[in-house]
Amino acid sequence: MLSSVRAAPATLGIRLASQVLPITRWMPFTLQQALLEPLLDRVLAAPLANGELDMLHGRWLQLTLTDLGLSWCVSRDRQGLRISQYQAADACISGHWQDFLLLVSRQEDADTLFFRRRLQLSGDTELGLAVKNLLDSLDPDDLPPRLWRGLQALGRAAQPR
């Protein structure tokens, strides 16, 4: 009974996100950038400090949410991660937003998502695989606990039935 009560807010969150996220494609890119850069720098503070994202120095990884029509190019500089709208990407990882959610919440293994072609990698596969391996190795203890619990709950709610 308690698990179904806890699942209800997450299920509602998935439904709400499915309605709200498509609207973000009309959000000015400068606002997306202003929100995403500090968020990524905070969430990925430990890997940034440890040099684990140095592979992105002078290189661009494009992340594309195909079902939402959203795309960001991510790179690293001395200050942290940078988001750009248009760059010649060295590698691209694309897929539906819920598949990315399953990946970051560890509800699905990255290799499974790529093998089943739910996430696609193109361009410099070495860079793409390095980023995939980094995502696989991230320690949830480095995330704010409430964020990690929320991601896990949303990921469970997003799993295909």
Protein backbone atom coordinates (compact mmCIF):
# COMPACT_ATOMS: atom_id res chain seq x y z
CA MET A 1 0.00 0.00 0.00
CA LEU A 2 2.75 2.46 0.97
CA SER A 3 4.66 1.89 -2.29
CA SER A 4 1.54 2.67 -4.33
CA VAL A 5 1.06 5.88 -2.35
CA ARG A 6 4.68 6.85 -3.08
CA ALA A 7 4.34 5.89 -6.74
CA ALA A 8 1.32 8.12 -7.26
CA PRO A 9 3.23 11.46 -7.06
CA ALA A 10 5.95 10.11 -9.37
CA THR A 11 3.36 8.86 -11.86
CA LEU A 12 1.66 12.24 -11.71
CA GLY A 13 5.09 13.84 -12.21
CA ILE A 14 5.67 11.80 -15.37
CA ARG A 15 2.24 12.74 -16.71
CA LEU A 16 2.81 16.40 -15.91
CA ALA A 17 6.29 16.34 -17.45
CA SER A 18 4.86 14.74 -20.61
CA GLN A 19 2.52 17.71 -20.92
CA VAL A 20 4.91 20.50 -19.89
CA LEU A 21 8.25 19.45 -21.41
CA PRO A 22 7.13 19.85 -25.05
CA ILE A 23 6.46 23.52 -24.32
CA THR A 24 10.13 24.06 -23.44
CA ARG A 25 11.09 23.93 -27.11
CA TRP A 26 9.65 27.45 -27.39
CA MET A 27 11.61 28.70 -24.39
CA PRO A 28 14.35 31.12 -25.49
CA PHE A 29 17.67 29.32 -25.65
CA THR A 30 19.36 31.90 -23.41
CA LEU A 31 16.88 30.97 -20.66
CA GLN A 32 17.50 27.24 -21.21
CA GLN A 33 21.23 27.94 -21.02
CA ALA A 34 20.87 30.07 -17.88
CA LEU A 35 18.99 27.22 -16.18
CA LEU A 36 21.01 24.25 -17.43
CA GLU A 37 24.61 25.44 -16.99
CA PRO A 38 24.47 26.05 -13.22
CA LEU A 39 22.31 22.95 -12.73
CA LEU A 40 24.81 20.72 -14.57
CA ASP A 41 27.75 22.33 -12.78
CA ARG A 42 26.10 21.60 -9.42
CA VAL A 43 24.88 18.10 -10.19
CA LEU A 44 28.18 17.12 -11.81
CA ALA A 45 30.41 19.00 -9.35
CA ALA A 46 32.32 15.90 -8.21
CA PRO A 47 33.14 14.57 -11.71
CA LEU A 48 34.07 18.11 -12.79
CA ALA A 49 36.40 18.53 -9.80
CA ASN A 50 37.95 15.10 -10.43
CA GLY A 51 38.65 15.89 -14.09
CA GLU A 52 36.27 13.19 -15.31
CA LEU A 53 34.67 15.59 -17.80
CA ASP A 54 37.97 16.90 -19.18
CA MET A 55 37.32 14.78 -22.28
CA LEU A 56 34.92 17.55 -23.33
CA HIS A 57 37.58 20.32 -23.32
CA GLY A 58 37.41 21.83 -26.79
CA ARG A 59 34.89 19.21 -27.93
CA TRP A 60 31.12 19.26 -28.19
CA LEU A 61 28.63 16.57 -27.29
CA GLN A 62 25.12 17.10 -28.59
CA LEU A 63 22.24 15.76 -26.51
CA THR A 64 18.98 15.54 -28.43
CA LEU A 65 15.56 14.77 -27.00
CA THR A 66 14.00 13.61 -30.25
CA ASP A 67 10.42 13.45 -28.99
CA LEU A 68 10.58 17.02 -27.65
CA GLY A 69 12.49 18.65 -30.49
CA LEU A 70 15.13 19.87 -28.02
CA SER A 71 18.87 19.74 -28.48
CA TRP A 72 21.84 21.13 -26.57
CA CYS A 73 25.55 21.03 -27.27
CA VAL A 74 27.70 20.54 -24.16
CA SER A 75 31.39 21.30 -23.74
CA ARG A 76 33.78 21.98 -20.87
CA ASP A 77 35.94 24.98 -20.21
CA ARG A 78 37.88 26.25 -17.19
CA GLN A 79 34.70 27.49 -15.49
CA GLY A 80 32.68 24.30 -15.95
CA LEU A 81 30.21 22.93 -18.45
CA ARG A 82 28.96 25.15 -21.25
CA ILE A 83 25.74 24.79 -23.20
CA SER A 84 25.39 26.05 -26.75
CA GLN A 85 22.56 25.88 -29.20
CA TYR A 86 24.52 25.44 -32.41
CA GLN A 87 27.93 23.82 -32.56
CA ALA A 88 29.58 21.33 -34.83
CA ALA A 89 29.17 18.37 -32.48
CA ASP A 90 31.88 15.75 -32.23
CA ALA A 91 29.34 13.20 -30.98
CA CYS A 92 25.59 13.06 -30.51
CA ILE A 93 23.45 11.03 -28.14
CA SER A 94 19.77 11.12 -28.97
CA GLY A 95 16.61 9.53 -27.71
CA HIS A 96 13.30 10.17 -26.00
CA TRP A 97 13.33 12.14 -22.75
CA GLN A 98 11.98 9.21 -20.74
CA ASP A 99 14.84 7.00 -21.92
CA PHE A 100 17.34 9.61 -20.71
CA LEU A 101 15.42 9.66 -17.41
CA LEU A 102 15.68 5.87 -17.18
CA LEU A 103 19.42 6.17 -17.78
CA VAL A 104 20.15 8.84 -15.16
CA SER A 105 17.86 7.20 -12.58
CA ARG A 106 19.59 3.85 -13.18
CA GLN A 107 16.32 2.12 -13.91
CA GLU A 108 17.81 0.96 -17.22
CA ASP A 109 21.39 0.08 -18.04
CA ALA A 110 23.03 2.34 -20.62
CA ASP A 111 24.19 -0.63 -22.70
CA THR A 112 20.63 -1.96 -22.82
CA LEU A 113 19.24 1.40 -23.95
CA PHE A 114 21.85 1.67 -26.71
CA PHE A 115 21.57 -1.99 -27.74
CA ARG A 116 17.79 -1.68 -28.07
CA ARG A 117 18.33 1.55 -30.04
CA ARG A 118 16.26 3.56 -27.60
CA LEU A 119 19.30 5.81 -27.31
CA GLN A 120 21.47 6.36 -30.37
CA LEU A 121 25.09 7.41 -30.57
CA SER A 122 26.57 9.01 -33.66
CA GLY A 123 29.77 10.81 -34.54
CA ASP A 124 32.90 10.21 -32.47
CA THR A 125 31.95 6.94 -30.81
CA GLU A 126 35.01 7.08 -28.54
CA LEU A 127 33.82 10.37 -27.04
CA GLY A 128 30.22 9.14 -26.84
CA LEU A 129 31.27 5.92 -25.11
CA ALA A 130 33.47 7.85 -22.69
CA VAL A 131 30.47 10.00 -21.72
CA LYS A 132 28.24 6.92 -21.47
CA ASN A 133 30.79 5.22 -19.22
CA LEU A 134 31.03 8.35 -17.10
CA LEU A 135 27.25 8.41 -16.66
CA ASP A 136 27.37 4.74 -15.68
CA SER A 137 30.05 5.42 -13.08
CA LEU A 138 28.47 8.45 -11.42
CA ASP A 139 28.01 7.95 -7.71
CA PRO A 140 24.45 8.79 -6.62
CA ASP A 141 25.94 9.79 -3.25
CA ASP A 142 27.47 12.82 -5.02
CA LEU A 143 23.97 14.08 -5.83
CA PRO A 144 21.77 15.96 -3.40
CA PRO A 145 19.79 13.16 -1.67
CA ARG A 146 16.37 14.65 -2.47
CA LEU A 147 17.31 14.97 -6.14
CA TRP A 148 18.49 11.34 -6.28
CA ARG A 149 15.32 10.05 -4.57
CA GLY A 150 13.19 12.12 -6.95
CA LEU A 151 15.06 10.84 -10.01
CA GLN A 152 14.67 7.25 -8.83
CA ALA A 153 10.93 7.67 -8.21
CA LEU A 154 10.40 9.33 -11.59
CA GLY A 155 12.53 6.67 -13.30
CA ARG A 156 10.48 3.88 -11.77
CA ALA A 157 7.28 5.61 -12.89
CA ALA A 158 8.69 6.02 -16.42
CA GLN A 159 9.52 2.34 -16.88
CA PRO A 160 7.56 0.69 -19.68
CA ARG A 161 4.77 -1.47 -18.35
